[in-house]
Amino acid sequence: MIFKHLTACLGIGARGVIGALMVGAALLPGVAQAADPVTLTFRFNDPEQKEMRAALDAFEKANPGIKVNLERMAWKDARDQFLREAAVGETPDVVHIAFVWAKEMGEAGALAPLDALIKAKPPGKGLSDFIAMDLATGKNGKVYALPWTTDTWAMVYRTDLLDQAGVKTLPTTWDDLRQASRDVHAKTGKTGFGFPAGSASSGSLWFLANYNWWSNGKALIVEKDKTFSVGVDKADVVGTMNYFKSYLDNGDTPKSMLGVSDWADPVIIRGLADGTIAIGIMPPASFREAINAYTAANPGKAAPFKSGPVPKGTTVGTSHLGGRMLGISATSKHPEEAWKLVQFLNDPSIFTGAYKSQFPAQRSLLQSVDFGPELKGFAEQLTHARTWGPYAEGPYAMGSMWNLTGRAFGAALSGQTSVDAAAGDLLTQIGKLNAGR
């Protein structure tokens, strides 16, 4: 009766009264209002966009107050782009980075320290369960990222093309690999070793050069008694440059590969899938992409692929213990929500469900990994993988060394600069990095 009397006196309908009451309530202190959802941006650099979106959808369902925009970036552009954005305060909330970028980005002020978030809500079984925490921790002792996935690089082969070329066993030395590439090209007309030979920043030549040095007992950066120095001489650099240049000069690796810098470039993945490339080198996610592409194009056929360790030199073939970390931007307005996302992406269910194409960086979870028959070479290679160690801990900027090495090798392989001049210039520039610290 009171409600009817009120509407009659005011000369408005029931809907108008309800609306007025709701507006009034909104202005009253202490009355809870439904908050707009927090929106995070997650920048992701690997090829599994579909799988990652499915994982983020599951996160949004479990956290209805948070929305996540998935932003894509190629690895070759990711480091420099993030640092440029950080300089002007416009970065994604959560960023997908390589193991070796965390220290540099944290100490540059681009990543937020995670220590308070970790203390309030520890991840998984605790930090001791995560590999490569040394790479996630700055010289000031602060943690700037959380290891997420781990992997290493290994050699991958089209076994049908090796058979056609008369290559009966997988190459075990760099000389074996060189001969197998020649044989494939000579007897099938296909590309032998299809490696990325381009000089773009954060390119793949960095890995190839270091693997070759490591397999011969050398390293670009070495440490002794907490003193860091360059561990290769000009002859070492010239020898490695000439080795990879010989593929291009002989033609078993086409010169068009000088335009390819990314290990996951479609030219390489498609070439392995359609049989125009016989040999590659890459992380497991890229290899899986090639296998999936072959299977999609050839339903019902067994994929003719094998993987094997990086070739030996004077010592065992060694690759890097690589992987990805997740960091929170120093400019994120929602660090607690961002930390929820980082923790969610490290949940065991992620690696057995939507994102099972990657290996977890948690020791307890790695023990249950099933590599599958095609990836046995990666399992073997992991036993001979090393961390970047002195590269990341010393006075040399890791990203700068990476870019300098790629440019020097690219110039030498393309013939833009003589091998001798390119090798000398690389060592001079690396030395300047140390002098400038």
Protein backbone atom coordinates (compact mmCIF):
# COMPACT_ATOMS: atom_id res chain seq x y z
CA MET A 1 0.00 0.00 0.00
CA ILE A 2 2.83 2.42 0.86
CA PHE A 3 4.47 1.68 -2.50
CA LYS A 4 1.22 2.36 -4.40
CA HIS A 5 0.65 5.55 -2.42
CA LEU A 6 4.16 6.77 -3.19
CA THR A 7 3.83 6.18 -6.93
CA ALA A 8 0.48 7.92 -7.00
CA CYS A 9 1.76 10.99 -5.15
CA LEU A 10 4.84 11.33 -7.33
CA GLY A 11 2.93 10.69 -10.51
CA ILE A 12 5.42 8.07 -11.74
CA GLY A 13 5.18 4.38 -12.43
CA ALA A 14 6.61 1.54 -10.44
CA ARG A 15 9.61 1.17 -12.78
CA GLY A 16 10.51 4.81 -12.22
CA VAL A 17 10.45 4.40 -8.45
CA ILE A 18 12.61 1.30 -8.60
CA GLY A 19 15.08 3.10 -10.85
CA ALA A 20 15.22 6.09 -8.54
CA LEU A 21 15.76 3.84 -5.52
CA MET A 22 18.60 2.04 -7.31
CA VAL A 23 20.30 5.31 -8.21
CA GLY A 24 19.94 6.46 -4.65
CA ALA A 25 21.38 3.24 -3.33
CA ALA A 26 24.37 3.61 -5.62
CA LEU A 27 25.12 6.95 -3.98
CA LEU A 28 24.87 5.63 -0.42
CA PRO A 29 28.16 4.81 1.33
CA GLY A 30 28.72 1.15 2.20
CA VAL A 31 26.53 -0.22 -0.56
CA ALA A 32 28.59 -2.76 -2.59
CA GLN A 33 28.59 -2.33 -6.35
CA ALA A 34 29.51 -4.90 -8.96
CA ALA A 35 33.01 -3.95 -10.12
CA ASP A 36 34.01 -4.03 -13.74
CA PRO A 37 36.24 -7.02 -14.51
CA VAL A 38 39.97 -6.42 -14.45
CA THR A 39 41.46 -6.80 -17.92
CA LEU A 40 44.99 -8.15 -18.27
CA THR A 41 47.12 -8.32 -21.39
CA PHE A 42 49.28 -11.41 -21.79
CA ARG A 43 51.96 -11.28 -24.48
CA PHE A 44 52.75 -14.75 -25.82
CA ASN A 45 55.52 -15.61 -28.30
CA ASP A 46 55.23 -19.34 -29.04
CA PRO A 47 53.18 -20.75 -31.95
CA GLU A 48 50.48 -22.50 -29.89
CA GLN A 49 48.03 -19.60 -29.93
CA LYS A 50 44.95 -21.86 -30.03
CA GLU A 51 46.08 -23.95 -27.06
CA MET A 52 47.03 -20.88 -25.05
CA ARG A 53 43.68 -19.20 -25.71
CA ALA A 54 41.96 -22.35 -24.41
CA ALA A 55 44.07 -22.17 -21.23
CA LEU A 56 43.19 -18.49 -20.78
CA ASP A 57 39.50 -19.27 -21.27
CA ALA A 58 39.77 -21.78 -18.42
CA PHE A 59 41.46 -19.12 -16.27
CA GLU A 60 38.67 -16.63 -16.98
CA LYS A 61 36.07 -19.22 -16.06
CA ALA A 62 37.82 -19.89 -12.76
CA ASN A 63 38.31 -16.15 -12.14
CA PRO A 64 35.15 -14.40 -13.43
CA GLY A 65 36.41 -11.00 -12.31
CA ILE A 66 39.43 -11.14 -14.64
CA LYS A 67 39.57 -11.01 -18.43
CA VAL A 68 42.74 -11.71 -20.40
CA ASN A 69 43.61 -10.34 -23.81
CA LEU A 70 46.08 -12.58 -25.65
CA GLU A 71 48.65 -10.56 -27.56
CA ARG A 72 51.02 -12.26 -30.04
CA MET A 73 54.65 -11.39 -30.70
CA ALA A 74 57.37 -13.19 -32.66
CA TRP A 75 60.39 -14.20 -30.59
CA LYS A 76 62.77 -12.30 -32.84
CA ASP A 77 61.01 -9.04 -31.94
CA ALA A 78 59.93 -9.76 -28.37
CA ARG A 79 62.92 -8.63 -26.32
CA ASP A 80 63.60 -5.32 -28.03
CA GLN A 81 59.92 -4.45 -28.32
CA PHE A 82 59.27 -5.03 -24.61
CA LEU A 83 62.26 -2.93 -23.56
CA ARG A 84 61.16 -0.11 -25.87
CA GLU A 85 57.64 -0.22 -24.41
CA ALA A 86 58.96 -0.32 -20.85
CA ALA A 87 60.88 2.89 -21.48
CA VAL A 88 57.59 4.72 -22.10
CA GLY A 89 55.48 2.78 -19.59
CA GLU A 90 53.29 0.94 -22.09
CA THR A 91 53.77 -2.79 -21.57
CA PRO A 92 51.55 -5.88 -21.28
CA ASP A 93 50.71 -6.98 -17.74
CA VAL A 94 52.23 -10.45 -18.11
CA VAL A 95 55.08 -11.08 -20.51
CA HIS A 96 56.43 -14.33 -21.96
CA ILE A 97 60.25 -14.15 -22.01
CA ALA A 98 63.30 -16.33 -22.57
CA PHE A 99 65.21 -17.63 -19.54
CA VAL A 100 68.14 -15.34 -20.29
CA TRP A 101 66.13 -12.11 -20.45
CA ALA A 102 64.83 -12.02 -16.88
CA LYS A 103 67.90 -10.53 -15.18
CA GLU A 104 68.41 -7.88 -17.82
CA MET A 105 64.76 -6.83 -17.91
CA GLY A 106 64.45 -6.83 -14.14
CA GLU A 107 67.58 -4.82 -13.55
CA ALA A 108 66.48 -2.39 -16.28
CA GLY A 109 63.28 -1.74 -14.32
CA ALA A 110 61.01 -3.29 -16.96
CA LEU A 111 59.86 -6.21 -14.77
CA ALA A 112 58.36 -5.95 -11.30
CA PRO A 113 60.04 -7.82 -8.42
CA LEU A 114 57.86 -10.79 -7.48
CA ASP A 115 59.16 -11.36 -3.94
CA ALA A 116 56.16 -9.94 -2.08
CA LEU A 117 53.70 -11.82 -4.30
CA ILE A 118 55.67 -15.06 -3.87
CA LYS A 119 55.73 -14.63 -0.10
CA ALA A 120 51.98 -13.98 0.04
CA LYS A 121 51.03 -16.82 -2.35
CA PRO A 122 53.91 -19.23 -3.09
CA PRO A 123 53.72 -20.97 -6.49
CA GLY A 124 53.36 -24.72 -6.88
CA LYS A 125 55.54 -26.66 -4.43
CA GLY A 126 57.72 -23.63 -3.78
CA LEU A 127 60.57 -21.95 -5.61
CA SER A 128 62.98 -24.83 -4.96
CA ASP A 129 60.92 -26.96 -7.36
CA PHE A 130 61.54 -24.58 -10.28
CA ILE A 131 64.62 -24.97 -12.43
CA ALA A 132 66.77 -21.99 -13.49
CA MET A 133 65.82 -19.79 -10.54
CA ASP A 134 69.37 -18.43 -10.73
CA LEU A 135 68.45 -16.92 -14.10
CA ALA A 136 65.24 -15.45 -12.66
CA THR A 137 67.03 -13.69 -9.82
CA GLY A 138 68.81 -10.35 -10.19
CA LYS A 139 72.15 -9.42 -8.67
CA ASN A 140 70.18 -7.61 -5.97
CA GLY A 141 68.60 -10.91 -4.91
CA LYS A 142 65.13 -10.01 -6.17
CA VAL A 143 63.10 -12.49 -8.23
CA TYR A 144 61.96 -10.94 -11.51
CA ALA A 145 60.21 -13.84 -13.24
CA LEU A 146 58.95 -17.35 -12.65
CA PRO A 147 60.29 -20.22 -14.81
CA TRP A 148 57.38 -21.65 -16.78
CA THR A 149 58.49 -24.11 -19.44
CA THR A 150 61.80 -25.76 -20.22
CA ASP A 151 63.27 -27.32 -23.30
CA THR A 152 66.40 -27.62 -25.32
CA TRP A 153 67.23 -27.76 -28.99
CA ALA A 154 67.96 -30.94 -30.86
CA MET A 155 68.46 -32.08 -34.45
CA VAL A 156 65.38 -33.22 -36.40
CA TYR A 157 65.37 -35.37 -39.52
CA ARG A 158 63.13 -36.54 -42.34
CA THR A 159 64.05 -40.22 -42.31
CA ASP A 160 62.62 -40.83 -45.78
CA LEU A 161 64.97 -38.27 -47.33
CA LEU A 162 67.95 -39.66 -45.41
CA ASP A 163 67.07 -43.14 -46.75
CA GLN A 164 66.90 -41.83 -50.33
CA ALA A 165 70.32 -40.22 -49.86
CA GLY A 166 71.84 -43.42 -48.47
CA VAL A 167 72.38 -41.97 -44.99
CA LYS A 168 71.94 -45.04 -42.80
CA THR A 169 72.46 -43.56 -39.34
CA LEU A 170 71.76 -40.17 -37.80
CA PRO A 171 74.83 -37.90 -37.85
CA THR A 172 76.76 -37.79 -34.58
CA THR A 173 79.51 -35.26 -35.42
CA TRP A 174 79.55 -31.90 -37.18
CA ASP A 175 81.46 -33.53 -40.05
CA ASP A 176 78.80 -36.27 -40.28
CA LEU A 177 76.10 -33.62 -40.44
CA ARG A 178 77.97 -31.74 -43.14
CA GLN A 179 78.26 -34.87 -45.27
CA ALA A 180 74.63 -35.92 -44.72
CA SER A 181 73.45 -32.48 -45.89
CA ARG A 182 75.61 -32.75 -49.04
CA ASP A 183 74.34 -36.27 -49.77
CA VAL A 184 70.69 -35.32 -49.43
CA HIS A 185 71.05 -32.38 -51.79
CA ALA A 186 73.17 -34.30 -54.33
CA LYS A 187 70.91 -37.36 -54.46
CA THR A 188 67.44 -35.89 -53.96
CA GLY A 189 67.75 -32.25 -55.01
CA LYS A 190 66.19 -31.23 -51.68
CA THR A 191 67.62 -28.95 -49.01
CA GLY A 192 69.97 -30.77 -46.68
CA PHE A 193 70.34 -28.79 -43.46
CA GLY A 194 67.70 -26.05 -43.47
CA PHE A 195 68.96 -23.79 -40.71
CA PRO A 196 67.97 -20.11 -40.18
CA ALA A 197 70.93 -18.12 -41.50
CA GLY A 198 69.50 -14.59 -41.16
CA SER A 199 70.98 -11.83 -39.03
CA ALA A 200 67.85 -10.39 -37.38
CA SER A 201 68.07 -9.57 -33.68
CA SER A 202 67.45 -12.53 -31.36
CA GLY A 203 67.98 -14.87 -34.31
CA SER A 204 68.94 -18.53 -34.36
CA LEU A 205 72.58 -18.18 -35.41
CA TRP A 206 73.33 -17.36 -31.79
CA PHE A 207 72.41 -20.90 -30.77
CA LEU A 208 74.22 -22.57 -33.67
CA ALA A 209 77.44 -20.69 -32.98
CA ASN A 210 77.42 -21.47 -29.26
CA TYR A 211 76.56 -25.14 -29.75
CA ASN A 212 79.52 -25.48 -32.09
CA TRP A 213 81.87 -23.77 -29.63
CA TRP A 214 80.59 -25.76 -26.66
CA SER A 215 80.97 -29.07 -28.48
CA ASN A 216 84.62 -28.19 -28.96
CA GLY A 217 85.25 -27.30 -25.34
CA LYS A 218 85.02 -23.52 -25.82
CA ALA A 219 82.52 -20.83 -24.80
CA LEU A 220 82.00 -17.22 -25.78
CA ILE A 221 81.96 -16.19 -22.11
CA VAL A 222 83.78 -18.07 -19.35
CA GLU A 223 84.16 -17.51 -15.63
CA LYS A 224 87.06 -18.31 -13.32
CA ASP A 225 87.29 -17.18 -9.72
CA LYS A 226 84.36 -14.82 -10.30
CA THR A 227 86.21 -13.14 -13.16
CA PHE A 228 84.50 -13.18 -16.56
CA SER A 229 86.25 -13.14 -19.91
CA VAL A 230 85.83 -14.05 -23.58
CA GLY A 231 86.58 -17.75 -24.02
CA VAL A 232 86.99 -17.97 -27.81
CA ASP A 233 89.69 -16.50 -30.01
CA LYS A 234 89.51 -15.28 -33.57
CA ALA A 235 90.40 -18.69 -34.99
CA ASP A 236 87.48 -20.27 -33.10
CA VAL A 237 85.03 -17.70 -34.47
CA VAL A 238 86.41 -17.95 -38.01
CA GLY A 239 86.19 -21.75 -37.92
CA THR A 240 82.55 -21.73 -36.84
CA MET A 241 81.59 -19.06 -39.36
CA ASN A 242 83.29 -20.97 -42.18
CA TYR A 243 81.58 -24.20 -41.15
CA PHE A 244 78.06 -22.79 -41.50
CA LYS A 245 78.98 -20.70 -44.53
CA SER A 246 80.05 -23.86 -46.36
CA TYR A 247 76.41 -25.07 -46.45
CA LEU A 248 75.34 -21.94 -48.28
CA ASP A 249 78.37 -21.83 -50.56
CA ASN A 250 77.83 -25.46 -51.59
CA GLY A 251 74.11 -24.96 -52.16
CA ASP A 252 72.76 -27.76 -49.94
CA THR A 253 71.34 -24.94 -47.79
CA PRO A 254 69.77 -22.41 -50.19
CA LYS A 255 70.82 -18.76 -49.95
CA SER A 256 67.15 -17.92 -49.41
CA MET A 257 67.71 -19.05 -45.81
CA LEU A 258 69.69 -15.83 -45.30
CA GLY A 259 66.26 -14.19 -45.10
CA VAL A 260 65.13 -16.54 -42.31
CA SER A 261 66.21 -15.83 -38.72
CA ASP A 262 63.53 -17.54 -36.62
CA TRP A 263 63.75 -21.26 -35.86
CA ALA A 264 59.94 -21.46 -36.06
CA ASP A 265 59.69 -19.66 -39.40
CA PRO A 266 56.98 -21.18 -41.63
CA VAL A 267 59.59 -21.73 -44.35
CA ILE A 268 61.36 -24.26 -42.12
CA ILE A 269 58.27 -25.85 -40.57
CA ARG A 270 56.55 -26.18 -43.92
CA GLY A 271 59.75 -27.45 -45.56
CA LEU A 272 60.10 -30.26 -43.04
CA ALA A 273 56.40 -31.09 -43.30
CA ASP A 274 56.29 -31.26 -47.10
CA GLY A 275 59.68 -32.92 -47.52
CA THR A 276 61.64 -30.12 -49.18
CA ILE A 277 63.96 -29.89 -46.15
CA ALA A 278 65.63 -32.99 -44.69
CA ILE A 279 67.34 -31.69 -41.55
CA GLY A 280 66.58 -28.98 -39.03
CA ILE A 281 67.49 -27.82 -35.53
CA MET A 282 64.86 -26.42 -33.17
CA PRO A 283 63.07 -26.69 -29.81
CA PRO A 284 60.41 -29.39 -29.33
CA ALA A 285 57.40 -27.10 -29.82
CA SER A 286 58.53 -26.23 -33.34
CA PHE A 287 59.21 -29.88 -34.14
CA ARG A 288 55.74 -30.83 -32.98
CA GLU A 289 54.35 -28.15 -35.27
CA ALA A 290 56.11 -29.76 -38.24
CA ILE A 291 54.85 -33.22 -37.25
CA ASN A 292 51.30 -31.93 -36.89
CA ALA A 293 51.48 -30.23 -40.28
CA TYR A 294 52.65 -33.47 -41.91
CA THR A 295 49.91 -35.49 -40.18
CA ALA A 296 47.22 -33.03 -41.25
CA ALA A 297 48.37 -33.25 -44.88
CA ASN A 298 48.87 -37.04 -44.81
CA PRO A 299 46.09 -38.57 -42.67
CA GLY A 300 46.71 -42.15 -41.69
CA LYS A 301 50.42 -42.07 -42.55
CA ALA A 302 53.16 -42.41 -39.97
CA ALA A 303 55.24 -39.24 -39.78
CA PRO A 304 58.77 -39.92 -41.16
CA PHE A 305 60.61 -38.01 -38.46
CA LYS A 306 63.30 -38.65 -35.87
CA SER A 307 65.19 -36.41 -33.51
CA GLY A 308 68.77 -36.71 -32.36
CA PRO A 309 71.38 -34.91 -30.26
CA VAL A 310 73.39 -31.91 -31.38
CA PRO A 311 76.60 -33.07 -33.12
CA LYS A 312 79.84 -33.66 -31.25
CA GLY A 313 83.10 -31.85 -31.77
CA THR A 314 86.04 -32.66 -29.54
CA THR A 315 83.58 -33.17 -26.67
CA VAL A 316 79.93 -34.18 -26.33
CA GLY A 317 77.32 -32.28 -28.34
CA THR A 318 75.89 -29.67 -25.99
CA SER A 319 72.83 -27.44 -26.23
CA HIS A 320 71.40 -24.88 -23.85
CA LEU A 321 68.94 -25.63 -21.10
CA GLY A 322 66.38 -23.25 -22.41
CA GLY A 323 62.88 -22.31 -21.63
CA ARG A 324 60.39 -19.59 -20.96
CA MET A 325 59.60 -17.48 -17.96
CA LEU A 326 56.60 -15.39 -17.06
CA GLY A 327 57.17 -11.89 -15.74
CA ILE A 328 54.91 -9.09 -14.59
CA SER A 329 55.49 -5.66 -16.05
CA ALA A 330 56.70 -3.00 -13.66
CA THR A 331 53.94 -0.74 -14.98
CA SER A 332 51.08 -3.23 -14.54
CA LYS A 333 48.17 -1.72 -12.64
CA HIS A 334 46.97 -5.16 -11.58
CA PRO A 335 49.98 -7.10 -10.19
CA GLU A 336 47.91 -9.34 -7.89
CA GLU A 337 45.59 -10.43 -10.71
CA ALA A 338 48.63 -10.88 -12.96
CA TRP A 339 50.20 -13.13 -10.32
CA LYS A 340 47.02 -15.20 -10.28
CA LEU A 341 47.46 -15.75 -14.01
CA VAL A 342 51.13 -16.69 -13.62
CA GLN A 343 50.24 -19.21 -10.92
CA PHE A 344 47.39 -20.64 -12.97
CA LEU A 345 49.65 -21.17 -16.00
CA ASN A 346 52.04 -23.15 -13.78
CA ASP A 347 49.33 -25.52 -12.57
CA PRO A 348 49.99 -29.20 -13.47
CA SER A 349 46.69 -29.37 -15.37
CA ILE A 350 48.01 -26.87 -17.94
CA PHE A 351 50.77 -29.25 -19.03
CA THR A 352 48.47 -32.25 -19.35
CA GLY A 353 45.59 -30.37 -20.92
CA ALA A 354 45.42 -27.31 -23.12
CA TYR A 355 49.15 -26.65 -23.23
CA LYS A 356 50.69 -30.12 -23.16
CA SER A 357 53.00 -29.31 -26.06
CA GLN A 358 55.47 -27.73 -23.62
CA PHE A 359 57.59 -29.28 -20.86
CA PRO A 360 57.09 -27.77 -17.38
CA ALA A 361 59.96 -26.01 -15.60
CA GLN A 362 59.03 -27.69 -12.32
CA ARG A 363 61.19 -30.66 -11.36
CA SER A 364 58.30 -32.56 -9.83
CA LEU A 365 56.31 -32.31 -13.07
CA LEU A 366 59.22 -33.07 -15.42
CA GLN A 367 59.51 -36.54 -13.92
CA SER A 368 56.19 -37.52 -15.49
CA VAL A 369 56.90 -36.19 -19.00
CA ASP A 370 56.24 -38.62 -21.85
CA PHE A 371 58.42 -37.39 -24.70
CA GLY A 372 56.95 -39.80 -27.26
CA PRO A 373 58.92 -41.67 -29.94
CA GLU A 374 59.67 -38.73 -32.23
CA LEU A 375 61.08 -36.63 -29.38
CA LYS A 376 63.50 -39.19 -27.93
CA GLY A 377 66.39 -37.13 -29.24
CA PHE A 378 65.24 -34.21 -27.12
CA ALA A 379 65.11 -36.42 -24.03
CA GLU A 380 68.69 -37.53 -24.73
CA GLN A 381 69.81 -33.96 -25.44
CA LEU A 382 68.43 -32.71 -22.13
CA THR A 383 71.05 -34.85 -20.38
CA HIS A 384 73.75 -32.87 -22.22
CA ALA A 385 72.22 -29.40 -21.94
CA ARG A 386 73.82 -26.59 -19.97
CA THR A 387 72.56 -23.32 -18.59
CA TRP A 388 73.91 -20.08 -19.99
CA GLY A 389 75.65 -19.58 -16.64
CA PRO A 390 78.42 -16.97 -17.08
CA TYR A 391 76.65 -15.52 -20.12
CA ALA A 392 73.83 -14.32 -17.89
CA GLU A 393 75.78 -13.79 -14.66
CA GLY A 394 78.74 -11.82 -15.99
CA PRO A 395 79.16 -8.17 -16.95
CA TYR A 396 78.13 -8.71 -20.58
CA ALA A 397 74.57 -7.86 -21.61
CA MET A 398 73.11 -11.16 -22.82
CA GLY A 399 70.72 -9.67 -25.32
CA SER A 400 73.43 -7.44 -26.76
CA MET A 401 75.80 -10.39 -27.23
CA TRP A 402 73.00 -12.31 -28.93
CA ASN A 403 72.32 -9.49 -31.38
CA LEU A 404 75.99 -8.81 -32.08
CA THR A 405 76.66 -12.48 -32.78
CA GLY A 406 73.69 -12.74 -35.13
CA ARG A 407 74.73 -9.67 -37.08
CA ALA A 408 78.36 -10.74 -37.37
CA PHE A 409 77.51 -14.27 -38.49
CA GLY A 410 74.84 -13.00 -40.87
CA ALA A 411 77.31 -10.59 -42.48
CA ALA A 412 79.90 -13.35 -42.88
CA LEU A 413 77.49 -16.00 -44.20
CA SER A 414 75.96 -13.62 -46.71
CA GLY A 415 79.35 -12.45 -47.98
CA GLN A 416 78.58 -8.88 -47.00
CA THR A 417 81.77 -8.93 -44.93
CA SER A 418 84.74 -11.28 -45.06
CA VAL A 419 84.74 -14.00 -42.43
CA ASP A 420 88.00 -12.72 -41.00
CA ALA A 421 86.68 -9.15 -40.66
CA ALA A 422 83.34 -10.29 -39.21
CA ALA A 423 85.05 -12.47 -36.60
CA GLY A 424 87.39 -9.67 -35.56
CA ASP A 425 84.55 -7.18 -35.34
CA LEU A 426 82.46 -9.52 -33.18
CA LEU A 427 85.25 -9.98 -30.65
CA THR A 428 85.94 -6.24 -30.59
CA GLN A 429 82.28 -5.45 -29.94
CA ILE A 430 81.97 -8.09 -27.21
CA GLY A 431 85.03 -6.59 -25.55
CA LYS A 432 83.42 -3.15 -25.62
CA LEU A 433 80.39 -4.52 -23.79
CA ASN A 434 82.61 -5.48 -20.89
CA ALA A 435 84.52 -2.20 -20.94
CA GLY A 436 81.27 -0.25 -20.90
CA ARG A 437 79.89 -1.84 -17.76
